[in-house]
Amino acid sequence: MIIDRLVRDINLIDPFEVDNHVVMPDHVHILWRVKDWLPKDMGYYVGLLKSRCSKIWHEEYRESESLFLPKFNDRISFNDVMTERFSRYISDNPRRRLTVMTHPELFDRAQQVKILDRVMDVFGNFQLLKHPVIAPAVVSSRYTPEQKRKFEIQIEEAIRTQGVLVSPFISQAEKALMQRAIDEGASIIRIVADGIGPKYKPAGREFDLCSQGRCLHIGEHRLSAHVEKKGRAEFLALNALAHWIASHPAERMLLLRGR
């Protein structure tokens, strides 16, 4: 209640408006609109909000600890499309949380989703497909200097904001990016090259990450344990799917059913 009240009060303070926000049990999302040039950096205003909330928390409830952990994650929206995407994600937070709480079985076995016209199996937190910050972790020696720079900016921003990296994660460079993302609090969507067969389970650490909501495996439906050898064309198709998912965050994703 303290956080909600003070976030709403920001609307009365220049140069900010709050377009949308939600207070969750363990985090807060705020969509800030900056109306004018800021005399101080954004961190100052976030810190001011946090300190005001903690002050009331201390005075009214006699609590000694801060309401917040140090630092925060931010992301700039450069256009109305991205702003609307962020706003939908914020508004949908309570529903996603409630889904995890009331239907945990959806997150510990393979489900099916439809992306464009392809029905694919997924294991883990399928709601990562709806995250507003998804970057394709597809490393290529054929990138032009401009493409390489854009790729690096996307990856750094996704990791910094604890967003999502999507990739088959086949090359050593891609695996290194995945490891770094996990270590720094981001999430991953792995496109499984061999598809997802009966009784599929991610191995090792990624199984635990799935149960924590930080990992999703997605692949073609496979009826048997037999795995066919993949060629260059198949791997390029996986990379293309990673790029598509990153540029179309769940706008055409439909959860079909469990299996």
Protein backbone atom coordinates (compact mmCIF):
# COMPACT_ATOMS: atom_id res chain seq x y z
CA MET A 1 0.00 0.00 0.00
CA ILE A 2 2.88 2.36 0.80
CA ILE A 3 4.58 1.72 -2.54
CA ASP A 4 1.34 1.94 -4.49
CA ARG A 5 0.42 5.27 -2.87
CA LEU A 6 3.79 6.89 -3.49
CA VAL A 7 4.03 5.65 -7.06
CA ARG A 8 0.67 7.26 -7.76
CA ASP A 9 1.91 10.49 -6.16
CA ILE A 10 4.71 10.67 -8.75
CA ASN A 11 2.06 11.82 -11.21
CA LEU A 12 1.97 15.09 -9.27
CA ILE A 13 5.72 15.67 -9.52
CA ASP A 14 7.33 17.19 -12.61
CA PRO A 15 8.80 16.00 -14.88
CA PHE A 16 7.22 12.54 -14.48
CA GLU A 17 4.00 10.75 -15.16
CA VAL A 18 3.35 7.09 -14.42
CA ASP A 19 1.52 5.41 -17.28
CA ASN A 20 1.23 2.03 -15.58
CA HIS A 21 2.54 0.16 -12.56
CA VAL A 22 1.99 -2.96 -10.52
CA VAL A 23 3.20 -3.91 -7.03
CA MET A 24 3.96 -7.64 -6.87
CA PRO A 25 4.87 -9.65 -3.74
CA ASP A 26 8.61 -9.41 -4.41
CA HIS A 27 9.09 -6.71 -7.06
CA VAL A 28 7.59 -3.58 -8.58
CA HIS A 29 7.10 -2.62 -12.24
CA ILE A 30 6.71 1.06 -13.11
CA LEU A 31 6.25 2.58 -16.55
CA TRP A 32 7.65 6.11 -16.12
CA ARG A 33 6.98 8.81 -18.70
CA VAL A 34 9.55 11.60 -18.63
CA LYS A 35 7.94 14.83 -19.80
CA ASP A 36 11.03 17.05 -19.84
CA TRP A 37 14.81 17.03 -19.56
CA LEU A 38 15.89 15.54 -16.23
CA PRO A 39 18.17 17.79 -14.15
CA LYS A 40 19.54 14.59 -12.52
CA ASP A 41 19.98 11.04 -13.72
CA MET A 42 17.15 8.53 -13.49
CA GLY A 43 18.78 6.68 -10.60
CA TYR A 44 18.35 9.74 -8.39
CA TYR A 45 14.55 9.72 -8.81
CA VAL A 46 14.25 5.97 -8.36
CA GLY A 47 16.36 6.27 -5.21
CA LEU A 48 14.14 9.10 -4.00
CA LEU A 49 11.03 6.97 -4.43
CA LYS A 50 12.63 4.03 -2.64
CA SER A 51 13.84 6.15 0.28
CA ARG A 52 10.42 7.81 0.71
CA CYS A 53 8.72 4.41 0.79
CA SER A 54 11.24 3.08 3.31
CA LYS A 55 10.83 6.18 5.50
CA ILE A 56 7.08 5.59 5.84
CA TRP A 57 7.74 1.88 6.36
CA HIS A 58 10.04 2.74 9.28
CA GLU A 59 7.85 5.44 10.82
CA GLU A 60 4.40 3.89 10.51
CA TYR A 61 5.27 0.22 10.94
CA ARG A 62 8.38 0.47 13.13
CA GLU A 63 10.36 -1.69 10.71
CA SER A 64 14.13 -1.26 10.58
CA GLU A 65 14.98 -2.77 7.18
CA SER A 66 14.62 -1.15 3.78
CA LEU A 67 11.73 -2.19 1.58
CA PHE A 68 14.09 -2.54 -1.39
CA LEU A 69 17.28 -4.22 -2.46
CA PRO A 70 20.05 -1.99 -3.87
CA LYS A 71 19.97 -0.94 -7.54
CA PHE A 72 17.19 -1.40 -10.09
CA ASN A 73 16.68 -2.55 -13.69
CA ASP A 74 15.53 -0.07 -16.30
CA ARG A 75 14.73 -0.12 -19.99
CA ILE A 76 14.06 2.84 -22.32
CA SER A 77 11.08 2.76 -24.65
CA PHE A 78 11.77 4.67 -27.84
CA ASN A 79 8.37 4.42 -29.52
CA ASP A 80 4.67 3.89 -28.84
CA VAL A 81 4.76 0.24 -29.94
CA MET A 82 7.39 -0.63 -27.35
CA THR A 83 5.61 1.45 -24.70
CA GLU A 84 2.38 -0.44 -25.31
CA ARG A 85 4.27 -3.75 -25.13
CA PHE A 86 5.75 -2.80 -21.75
CA SER A 87 2.36 -1.66 -20.48
CA ARG A 88 0.69 -4.94 -21.45
CA TYR A 89 3.47 -6.89 -19.76
CA ILE A 90 3.06 -4.89 -16.55
CA SER A 91 -0.73 -5.29 -16.52
CA ASP A 92 -0.40 -9.03 -17.13
CA ASN A 93 2.01 -9.63 -14.22
CA PRO A 94 -0.67 -10.58 -11.63
CA ARG A 95 -2.35 -13.03 -14.03
CA ARG A 96 0.97 -14.72 -14.83
CA ARG A 97 1.84 -14.98 -11.14
CA LEU A 98 -1.58 -16.42 -10.35
CA THR A 99 -1.22 -18.96 -13.16
CA VAL A 100 2.05 -20.20 -11.69
CA MET A 101 0.52 -20.41 -8.20
CA THR A 102 -2.73 -22.15 -9.16
CA HIS A 103 -1.43 -24.36 -11.99
CA PRO A 104 2.14 -25.40 -11.14
CA GLU A 105 1.69 -28.52 -13.27
CA LEU A 106 1.87 -26.33 -16.38
CA PHE A 107 5.48 -25.50 -15.61
CA ASP A 108 6.96 -28.93 -14.89
CA ARG A 109 6.09 -30.89 -18.02
CA ALA A 110 5.91 -30.40 -21.76
CA GLN A 111 3.12 -28.25 -23.17
CA GLN A 112 2.29 -27.33 -26.74
CA VAL A 113 2.27 -23.83 -28.22
CA LYS A 114 1.42 -22.57 -31.67
CA ILE A 115 3.81 -19.99 -33.08
CA LEU A 116 2.63 -18.73 -36.45
CA ASP A 117 1.44 -21.98 -38.03
CA ARG A 118 3.90 -24.26 -36.24
CA VAL A 119 2.85 -26.41 -33.30
CA MET A 120 5.83 -26.90 -31.01
CA ASP A 121 6.44 -28.48 -27.63
CA VAL A 122 7.75 -26.42 -24.75
CA PHE A 123 9.06 -27.31 -21.31
CA GLY A 124 9.44 -24.72 -18.59
CA ASN A 125 8.05 -21.23 -18.24
CA PHE A 126 6.21 -20.68 -21.52
CA GLN A 127 5.32 -17.18 -20.31
CA LEU A 128 8.89 -16.11 -21.11
CA LEU A 129 7.62 -15.92 -24.69
CA LYS A 130 5.63 -12.87 -23.55
CA HIS A 131 8.57 -11.03 -22.00
CA PRO A 132 9.00 -7.55 -23.56
CA VAL A 133 12.80 -7.76 -23.62
CA ILE A 134 13.99 -10.74 -25.69
CA ALA A 135 17.30 -10.76 -27.58
CA PRO A 136 18.44 -13.38 -30.11
CA ALA A 137 21.76 -14.82 -28.91
CA VAL A 138 22.76 -15.99 -32.37
CA VAL A 139 26.47 -15.47 -33.00
CA SER A 140 27.59 -15.25 -36.64
CA SER A 141 30.94 -14.53 -38.29
CA ARG A 142 29.00 -13.07 -41.22
CA TYR A 143 27.71 -10.05 -39.31
CA THR A 144 28.73 -6.71 -40.77
CA PRO A 145 30.31 -4.28 -38.27
CA GLU A 146 26.93 -2.54 -37.96
CA GLN A 147 25.08 -5.83 -37.43
CA LYS A 148 27.65 -6.95 -34.86
CA ARG A 149 27.31 -3.69 -32.95
CA LYS A 150 23.50 -3.96 -32.95
CA PHE A 151 23.76 -7.58 -31.78
CA GLU A 152 26.08 -6.66 -28.91
CA ILE A 153 23.83 -3.79 -27.80
CA GLN A 154 20.76 -6.08 -27.76
CA ILE A 155 22.55 -8.75 -25.75
CA GLU A 156 23.99 -6.31 -23.22
CA GLU A 157 20.63 -4.61 -22.73
CA ALA A 158 18.79 -7.92 -22.26
CA ILE A 159 21.29 -9.14 -19.67
CA ARG A 160 21.46 -5.77 -17.89
CA THR A 161 17.68 -5.60 -17.53
CA GLN A 162 17.38 -9.30 -16.62
CA GLY A 163 15.46 -9.96 -19.80
CA VAL A 164 15.58 -13.09 -21.97
CA LEU A 165 18.11 -14.54 -24.43
CA VAL A 166 16.73 -16.89 -27.09
CA SER A 167 18.92 -19.22 -29.13
CA PRO A 168 19.73 -22.86 -29.86
CA PHE A 169 22.92 -22.09 -27.88
CA ILE A 170 25.02 -24.42 -30.05
CA SER A 171 28.32 -22.61 -30.58
CA GLN A 172 30.79 -22.03 -27.77
CA ALA A 173 30.24 -18.28 -28.04
CA GLU A 174 26.47 -18.73 -27.66
CA LYS A 175 26.96 -21.08 -24.70
CA ALA A 176 29.19 -18.48 -23.04
CA LEU A 177 26.46 -15.84 -23.50
CA MET A 178 23.90 -18.20 -22.01
CA GLN A 179 26.10 -18.89 -18.99
CA ARG A 180 26.70 -15.19 -18.43
CA ALA A 181 22.97 -14.40 -18.74
CA ILE A 182 22.09 -17.04 -16.16
CA ASP A 183 24.82 -15.88 -13.77
CA GLU A 184 23.63 -12.26 -14.00
CA GLY A 185 19.94 -12.97 -13.40
CA ALA A 186 18.55 -13.05 -16.95
CA SER A 187 16.41 -15.87 -18.35
CA ILE A 188 16.84 -18.09 -21.39
CA ILE A 189 14.73 -19.67 -24.11
CA ARG A 190 16.61 -22.61 -25.62
CA ILE A 191 15.44 -23.84 -29.03
CA VAL A 192 16.11 -27.56 -28.80
CA ALA A 193 17.77 -28.71 -32.03
CA ASP A 194 16.71 -32.35 -31.64
CA GLY A 195 13.11 -31.55 -30.77
CA ILE A 196 11.23 -32.57 -27.64
CA GLY A 197 10.37 -36.24 -27.32
CA PRO A 198 8.37 -38.35 -24.86
CA LYS A 199 9.20 -37.83 -21.18
CA TYR A 200 11.51 -34.94 -22.08
CA LYS A 201 13.31 -33.18 -19.23
CA PRO A 202 16.01 -30.49 -19.47
CA ALA A 203 19.33 -31.59 -18.05
CA GLY A 204 21.12 -30.32 -14.96
CA ARG A 205 20.96 -26.66 -14.09
CA GLU A 206 18.41 -25.83 -16.77
CA PHE A 207 15.83 -28.11 -15.15
CA ASP A 208 16.18 -26.11 -11.93
CA LEU A 209 15.95 -22.86 -13.89
CA CYS A 210 12.70 -24.08 -15.48
CA SER A 211 11.23 -24.69 -12.04
CA GLN A 212 12.33 -21.17 -11.05
CA GLY A 213 10.57 -19.66 -14.08
CA ARG A 214 13.83 -18.56 -15.72
CA CYS A 215 14.11 -21.11 -18.51
CA LEU A 216 12.04 -22.43 -21.43
CA HIS A 217 12.92 -25.19 -23.87
CA ILE A 218 11.09 -25.18 -27.17
CA GLY A 219 11.31 -27.65 -30.04
CA GLU A 220 9.51 -29.65 -32.68
CA HIS A 221 7.25 -32.39 -31.36
CA ARG A 222 9.05 -35.77 -31.48
CA LEU A 223 7.16 -39.05 -31.11
CA SER A 224 10.16 -41.27 -30.39
CA ALA A 225 13.58 -41.11 -28.80
CA HIS A 226 15.24 -41.39 -32.23
CA VAL A 227 17.24 -38.28 -33.19
CA GLU A 228 18.05 -37.44 -36.80
CA LYS A 229 21.29 -35.73 -37.73
CA LYS A 230 20.85 -32.02 -38.46
CA GLY A 231 22.48 -30.14 -41.32
CA ARG A 232 23.29 -26.50 -41.96
CA ALA A 233 19.81 -25.74 -43.32
CA GLU A 234 18.15 -27.03 -40.13
CA PHE A 235 20.46 -25.00 -37.89
CA LEU A 236 19.84 -21.86 -39.93
CA ALA A 237 16.11 -22.45 -39.50
CA LEU A 238 16.58 -22.65 -35.72
CA ASN A 239 18.47 -19.35 -35.77
CA ALA A 240 15.71 -17.78 -37.88
CA LEU A 241 13.13 -18.92 -35.32
CA ALA A 242 15.20 -17.33 -32.54
CA HIS A 243 15.21 -14.01 -34.43
CA TRP A 244 11.46 -14.23 -35.03
CA ILE A 245 10.66 -14.94 -31.37
CA ALA A 246 12.83 -11.98 -30.31
CA SER A 247 11.13 -9.58 -32.70
CA HIS A 248 7.56 -10.85 -32.10
CA PRO A 249 7.26 -11.47 -28.33
CA ALA A 250 4.29 -13.84 -28.13
CA GLU A 251 2.03 -11.66 -30.22
CA ARG A 252 1.05 -14.81 -32.13
CA MET A 253 1.81 -17.42 -29.47
CA LEU A 254 -1.04 -19.61 -28.28
CA LEU A 255 -0.81 -22.22 -25.52
CA LEU A 256 -2.67 -25.27 -26.79
CA ARG A 257 -2.55 -28.02 -24.16
CA GLY A 258 -0.38 -30.22 -22.01
CA ARG A 259 0.65 -33.69 -23.10
